[in-house]
Amino acid sequence: MFNPSREQVRQFFTDAWARHQAGGILTPLETIAARIMEQHPEYRAELEDPEADKRDYGVEQGRTNPFLHMSMHLAIHEQVSIDQPPGIRAAYEKLSASIGPHETEHVIMEALGQVIWEAQRLGSPPDNEKYLDLIRRHTTRD
């Protein structure tokens, strides 16, 4: 199973960003990551910082961890592309039609964070039905 370290994840993003900026050839995953990075100009300083792999983003600092945020975008992209859990693609498409793809990913990210936190707290697998329900709730809002 693929289980990269914090440093490997950060290196993936910083290398992909540098290659993208230089007009280099990107892998399919790097291409998706570059698109995500383009949507988050507020993270560019981090992506260009050679010390980024050593930085901590604790809650007490009041800063979002850009690498976690972008990793969650990648995870959501993968979930939607393979429709896993089943139904996430339909929920994504319905919500995306009303608020756009990027905002939809942020809604899904919030739901994903919640079900992962609950699963860790309870020592159980993530509840896919609750995950989808949290996403679908946004499709019924006016």
Protein backbone atom coordinates (compact mmCIF):
# COMPACT_ATOMS: atom_id res chain seq x y z
CA MET A 1 0.00 0.00 0.00
CA PHE A 2 1.22 3.48 -0.85
CA ASN A 3 1.79 5.44 2.37
CA PRO A 4 4.04 8.45 1.74
CA SER A 5 5.67 10.35 4.56
CA ARG A 6 4.91 13.99 5.25
CA GLU A 7 8.17 14.94 3.56
CA GLN A 8 7.40 12.84 0.46
CA VAL A 9 3.98 14.46 0.07
CA ARG A 10 5.45 17.91 0.38
CA GLN A 11 8.25 17.05 -2.03
CA PHE A 12 5.70 15.78 -4.56
CA PHE A 13 3.86 19.11 -4.49
CA THR A 14 6.95 21.34 -4.51
CA ASP A 15 8.59 19.33 -7.33
CA ALA A 16 5.39 19.31 -9.39
CA TRP A 17 4.98 23.05 -8.89
CA ALA A 18 8.58 23.75 -9.93
CA ARG A 19 8.24 21.54 -13.01
CA HIS A 20 4.90 23.18 -13.88
CA GLN A 21 6.39 26.67 -13.51
CA ALA A 22 9.32 25.69 -15.73
CA GLY A 23 7.01 24.27 -18.40
CA GLY A 24 8.28 20.75 -17.84
CA ILE A 25 6.52 17.50 -18.54
CA LEU A 26 4.20 16.40 -15.75
CA THR A 27 2.79 13.01 -14.88
CA PRO A 28 -1.01 12.73 -14.93
CA LEU A 29 -1.11 13.04 -11.12
CA GLU A 30 1.22 16.05 -11.22
CA THR A 31 -1.04 17.65 -13.83
CA ILE A 32 -4.02 17.32 -11.48
CA ALA A 33 -1.91 18.66 -8.61
CA ALA A 34 -0.76 21.63 -10.73
CA ARG A 35 -4.39 22.47 -11.47
CA ILE A 36 -5.13 22.40 -7.74
CA MET A 37 -2.09 24.56 -7.00
CA GLU A 38 -3.19 27.05 -9.67
CA GLN A 39 -6.51 27.37 -7.82
CA HIS A 40 -4.70 28.21 -4.59
CA PRO A 41 -2.37 31.18 -5.20
CA GLU A 42 -2.29 31.75 -1.43
CA TYR A 43 -0.07 28.64 -1.15
CA ARG A 44 2.56 29.60 -3.73
CA ALA A 45 5.04 30.95 -1.18
CA GLU A 46 4.92 27.60 0.61
CA LEU A 47 5.36 25.70 -2.64
CA GLU A 48 8.48 27.72 -3.45
CA ASP A 49 9.96 27.53 0.05
CA PRO A 50 12.87 25.04 0.24
CA GLU A 51 12.18 24.65 3.99
CA ALA A 52 8.49 23.76 3.51
CA ASP A 53 9.08 20.10 4.28
CA LYS A 54 10.18 21.04 7.81
CA ARG A 55 7.37 23.47 8.69
CA ASP A 56 4.61 22.60 11.14
CA TYR A 57 1.08 23.86 10.67
CA GLY A 58 -0.41 23.46 14.13
CA VAL A 59 -3.94 24.53 14.93
CA GLU A 60 -2.56 27.02 17.44
CA GLN A 61 -0.86 28.90 14.60
CA GLY A 62 -4.20 29.52 12.94
CA ARG A 63 -2.89 28.56 9.51
CA THR A 64 -4.19 25.98 7.11
CA ASN A 65 -1.71 23.28 6.19
CA PRO A 66 -1.49 23.86 2.42
CA PHE A 67 -0.09 20.40 1.75
CA LEU A 68 -2.91 18.70 3.64
CA HIS A 69 -5.45 20.88 1.87
CA MET A 70 -4.07 20.08 -1.58
CA SER A 71 -3.75 16.39 -0.69
CA MET A 72 -7.42 16.33 0.25
CA HIS A 73 -8.26 17.88 -3.13
CA LEU A 74 -6.30 15.05 -4.78
CA ALA A 75 -8.05 12.40 -2.68
CA ILE A 76 -11.45 13.83 -3.57
CA HIS A 77 -10.54 13.95 -7.24
CA GLU A 78 -9.61 10.26 -7.06
CA GLN A 79 -12.80 9.34 -5.18
CA VAL A 80 -14.97 11.10 -7.75
CA SER A 81 -13.06 9.63 -10.71
CA ILE A 82 -13.64 6.05 -9.50
CA ASP A 83 -16.99 6.75 -7.78
CA GLN A 84 -15.77 5.43 -4.45
CA PRO A 85 -17.65 5.44 -2.20
CA PRO A 86 -20.43 4.65 -4.67
CA GLY A 87 -22.60 7.71 -5.15
CA ILE A 88 -19.92 10.34 -4.60
CA ARG A 89 -19.66 11.12 -8.31
CA ALA A 90 -23.40 11.83 -8.59
CA ALA A 91 -23.33 13.94 -5.41
CA TYR A 92 -20.29 15.83 -6.73
CA GLU A 93 -21.89 16.47 -10.12
CA LYS A 94 -25.17 17.67 -8.60
CA LEU A 95 -23.49 20.04 -6.16
CA SER A 96 -20.94 21.18 -8.73
CA ALA A 97 -23.74 22.25 -11.08
CA SER A 98 -24.91 24.77 -8.50
CA ILE A 99 -21.72 26.03 -6.82
CA GLY A 100 -18.89 25.00 -9.15
CA PRO A 101 -16.26 22.26 -8.97
CA HIS A 102 -13.75 23.94 -6.67
CA GLU A 103 -16.30 24.98 -4.04
CA THR A 104 -17.83 21.51 -4.27
CA GLU A 105 -14.46 20.00 -3.41
CA HIS A 106 -14.29 22.26 -0.36
CA VAL A 107 -17.74 21.08 0.77
CA ILE A 108 -16.64 17.47 0.28
CA MET A 109 -13.38 18.20 2.09
CA GLU A 110 -15.29 19.39 5.14
CA ALA A 111 -17.42 16.23 5.12
CA LEU A 112 -14.35 14.03 4.62
CA GLY A 113 -12.56 15.69 7.51
CA GLN A 114 -15.56 15.15 9.75
CA VAL A 115 -16.00 11.45 8.99
CA ILE A 116 -12.26 10.78 9.32
CA TRP A 117 -12.14 12.58 12.66
CA GLU A 118 -15.16 10.61 13.91
CA ALA A 119 -13.70 7.31 12.70
CA GLN A 120 -10.41 8.01 14.47
CA ARG A 121 -12.18 9.04 17.65
CA LEU A 122 -14.37 5.93 17.62
CA GLY A 123 -11.66 3.57 16.35
CA SER A 124 -13.87 2.48 13.46
CA PRO A 125 -13.77 2.69 9.67
CA PRO A 126 -15.11 5.88 8.08
CA ASP A 127 -18.90 5.89 7.69
CA ASN A 128 -19.43 6.17 3.93
CA GLU A 129 -23.18 6.71 4.25
CA LYS A 130 -22.69 9.61 6.66
CA TYR A 131 -20.00 11.01 4.34
CA LEU A 132 -22.36 10.98 1.37
CA ASP A 133 -25.22 12.33 3.47
CA LEU A 134 -23.12 15.29 4.61
CA ILE A 135 -22.33 16.07 0.96
CA ARG A 136 -25.91 15.58 -0.25
CA ARG A 137 -27.22 17.97 2.42
CA HIS A 138 -25.57 20.79 0.49
CA THR A 139 -27.44 19.87 -2.70
CA THR A 140 -30.80 20.57 -1.04
CA ARG A 141 -29.90 24.03 0.30
CA ASP A 142 -31.39 27.04 -1.42
